[in-house]
Amino acid sequence: MNLENFVKSYICKNTLLRLWIPYPGGHQLIYREDPSKPNDIDDVCMEWALLDRKHWLSEYLDREVIGVADIFVQGPYVEAVNIVIKLEE
C-alpha cells in the first residue's frame, strides 16, 4: 500500500508524522535542514498537510509503506507516528 492510501486508511486526523527508510541496523530519518533555523531540522508534518500536498514530505506519497515503528527520538514532537517507507519505487 502506498503512503497516501495508508495515511487515509489508518492515520487519525491531526496526527503528527515522521517518515523513515530502512537502514542497516535500524532506520534512517527523512528530513531537511532549515537554513533559517540553525540546528533545527524539518522532519515532522501533520497528516492533513501531507495529504493536501502542503508539506515537502508529500513527495513520498507514492512510496510503499513497510510498516510503523516505535523509534525513540529526542527533541520536539516525540509523539509523532513513525512510518517506515521504501525509498525506491
C-alpha atoms as a PDB file:
ATOM      1  CA  MET A   1       0.000   0.000   0.000  1.00  0.00           C
ATOM      2  CA  ASN A   2       1.361   3.435  -0.813  1.00  0.00           C
ATOM      3  CA  LEU A   3       1.815   6.142   1.805  1.00  0.00           C
ATOM      4  CA  GLU A   4      -1.147   8.212   0.659  1.00  0.00           C
ATOM      5  CA  ASN A   5      -3.605   5.319   0.975  1.00  0.00           C
ATOM      6  CA  PHE A   6      -2.018   4.179   4.252  1.00  0.00           C
ATOM      7  CA  VAL A   7      -2.434   7.602   5.856  1.00  0.00           C
ATOM      8  CA  LYS A   8      -6.008   7.940   4.576  1.00  0.00           C
ATOM      9  CA  SER A   9      -6.900   4.460   5.845  1.00  0.00           C
ATOM     10  CA  TYR A  10      -5.074   4.143   9.159  1.00  0.00           C
ATOM     11  CA  ILE A  11      -3.956   7.532  10.492  1.00  0.00           C
ATOM     12  CA  CYS A  12      -6.350   9.672  12.534  1.00  0.00           C
ATOM     13  CA  LYS A  13      -6.911  13.347  11.717  1.00  0.00           C
ATOM     14  CA  ASN A  14      -4.393  15.862  13.078  1.00  0.00           C
ATOM     15  CA  THR A  15      -1.707  13.256  13.734  1.00  0.00           C
ATOM     16  CA  LEU A  16       1.959  14.218  13.536  1.00  0.00           C
ATOM     17  CA  LEU A  17       4.030  12.009  11.226  1.00  0.00           C
ATOM     18  CA  ARG A  18       7.709  11.221  10.667  1.00  0.00           C
ATOM     19  CA  LEU A  19       8.985   9.209   7.713  1.00  0.00           C
ATOM     20  CA  TRP A  20      11.848   6.732   7.892  1.00  0.00           C
ATOM     21  CA  ILE A  21      13.627   4.402   5.497  1.00  0.00           C
ATOM     22  CA  PRO A  22      15.284   1.073   6.275  1.00  0.00           C
ATOM     23  CA  TYR A  23      18.960   1.385   7.130  1.00  0.00           C
ATOM     24  CA  PRO A  24      21.468  -1.298   8.145  1.00  0.00           C
ATOM     25  CA  GLY A  25      20.794  -1.961  11.812  1.00  0.00           C
ATOM     26  CA  GLY A  26      17.646   0.159  12.005  1.00  0.00           C
ATOM     27  CA  HIS A  27      16.035   3.125  10.273  1.00  0.00           C
ATOM     28  CA  GLN A  28      17.132   6.497   8.926  1.00  0.00           C
ATOM     29  CA  LEU A  29      15.020   9.623   9.310  1.00  0.00           C
ATOM     30  CA  ILE A  30      13.924  11.525   6.214  1.00  0.00           C
ATOM     31  CA  TYR A  31      14.475  15.226   6.942  1.00  0.00           C
ATOM     32  CA  ARG A  32      15.592  18.574   5.581  1.00  0.00           C
ATOM     33  CA  GLU A  33      17.694  21.155   7.319  1.00  0.00           C
ATOM     34  CA  ASP A  34      16.104  24.572   7.685  1.00  0.00           C
ATOM     35  CA  PRO A  35      18.716  27.255   6.905  1.00  0.00           C
ATOM     36  CA  SER A  36      16.625  29.911   8.666  1.00  0.00           C
ATOM     37  CA  LYS A  37      16.791  27.921  11.923  1.00  0.00           C
ATOM     38  CA  PRO A  38      20.325  26.778  12.762  1.00  0.00           C
ATOM     39  CA  ASN A  39      20.484  23.360  14.450  1.00  0.00           C
ATOM     40  CA  ASP A  40      16.855  22.695  13.526  1.00  0.00           C
ATOM     41  CA  ILE A  41      15.537  20.137  11.077  1.00  0.00           C
ATOM     42  CA  ASP A  42      12.219  19.818   9.260  1.00  0.00           C
ATOM     43  CA  ASP A  43      11.178  16.220   9.860  1.00  0.00           C
ATOM     44  CA  VAL A  44       7.568  16.257  11.093  1.00  0.00           C
ATOM     45  CA  CYS A  45       4.300  17.092   9.380  1.00  0.00           C
ATOM     46  CA  MET A  46       0.606  16.856  10.112  1.00  0.00           C
ATOM     47  CA  GLU A  47      -1.329  14.159   8.266  1.00  0.00           C
ATOM     48  CA  TRP A  48      -3.579  16.750   6.617  1.00  0.00           C
ATOM     49  CA  ALA A  49      -0.583  18.773   5.336  1.00  0.00           C
ATOM     50  CA  LEU A  50       0.871  15.593   3.851  1.00  0.00           C
ATOM     51  CA  LEU A  51      -2.387  14.596   2.146  1.00  0.00           C
ATOM     52  CA  ASP A  52      -3.081  18.166   0.937  1.00  0.00           C
ATOM     53  CA  ARG A  53       0.446  18.226  -0.518  1.00  0.00           C
ATOM     54  CA  LYS A  54       1.317  21.296   1.556  1.00  0.00           C
ATOM     55  CA  HIS A  55       4.481  19.823   3.050  1.00  0.00           C
ATOM     56  CA  TRP A  56       7.671  18.756   1.269  1.00  0.00           C
ATOM     57  CA  LEU A  57       7.264  15.184   2.602  1.00  0.00           C
ATOM     58  CA  SER A  58       4.301  14.868   0.200  1.00  0.00           C
ATOM     59  CA  GLU A  59       6.808  13.919  -2.484  1.00  0.00           C
ATOM     60  CA  TYR A  60       6.829  10.464  -0.839  1.00  0.00           C
ATOM     61  CA  LEU A  61       3.065   9.825  -1.068  1.00  0.00           C
ATOM     62  CA  ASP A  62       3.530   7.260  -3.840  1.00  0.00           C
ATOM     63  CA  ARG A  63       6.099   5.200  -1.910  1.00  0.00           C
ATOM     64  CA  GLU A  64       5.250   1.821  -0.425  1.00  0.00           C
ATOM     65  CA  VAL A  65       4.732   1.631   3.341  1.00  0.00           C
ATOM     66  CA  ILE A  66       6.746  -1.084   5.059  1.00  0.00           C
ATOM     67  CA  GLY A  67       5.255  -0.536   8.498  1.00  0.00           C
ATOM     68  CA  VAL A  68       5.031   1.538  11.664  1.00  0.00           C
ATOM     69  CA  ALA A  69       7.898   1.532  14.161  1.00  0.00           C
ATOM     70  CA  ASP A  70       8.462   2.678  17.737  1.00  0.00           C
ATOM     71  CA  ILE A  71      11.561   4.775  17.181  1.00  0.00           C
ATOM     72  CA  PHE A  72      12.938   6.837  20.050  1.00  0.00           C
ATOM     73  CA  VAL A  73      13.669  10.433  19.108  1.00  0.00           C
ATOM     74  CA  GLN A  74      14.894  13.348  21.175  1.00  0.00           C
ATOM     75  CA  GLY A  75      13.690  16.881  20.771  1.00  0.00           C
ATOM     76  CA  PRO A  76      10.280  18.249  19.860  1.00  0.00           C
ATOM     77  CA  TYR A  77       7.315  16.133  18.825  1.00  0.00           C
ATOM     78  CA  VAL A  78       8.444  12.829  20.284  1.00  0.00           C
ATOM     79  CA  GLU A  79       4.828  11.690  19.995  1.00  0.00           C
ATOM     80  CA  ALA A  80       4.832  11.701  16.169  1.00  0.00           C
ATOM     81  CA  VAL A  81       3.862   8.449  14.469  1.00  0.00           C
ATOM     82  CA  ASN A  82       6.876   6.841  12.777  1.00  0.00           C
ATOM     83  CA  ILE A  83       6.105   5.378   9.340  1.00  0.00           C
ATOM     84  CA  VAL A  84       8.757   3.363   7.501  1.00  0.00           C
ATOM     85  CA  ILE A  85       8.644   3.532   3.703  1.00  0.00           C
ATOM     86  CA  LYS A  86      10.619   2.128   0.786  1.00  0.00           C
ATOM     87  CA  LEU A  87      12.746   4.867  -0.722  1.00  0.00           C
ATOM     88  CA  GLU A  88      12.833   3.296  -4.177  1.00  0.00           C
ATOM     89  CA  GLU A  89       9.668   2.867  -6.177  1.00  0.00           C
END
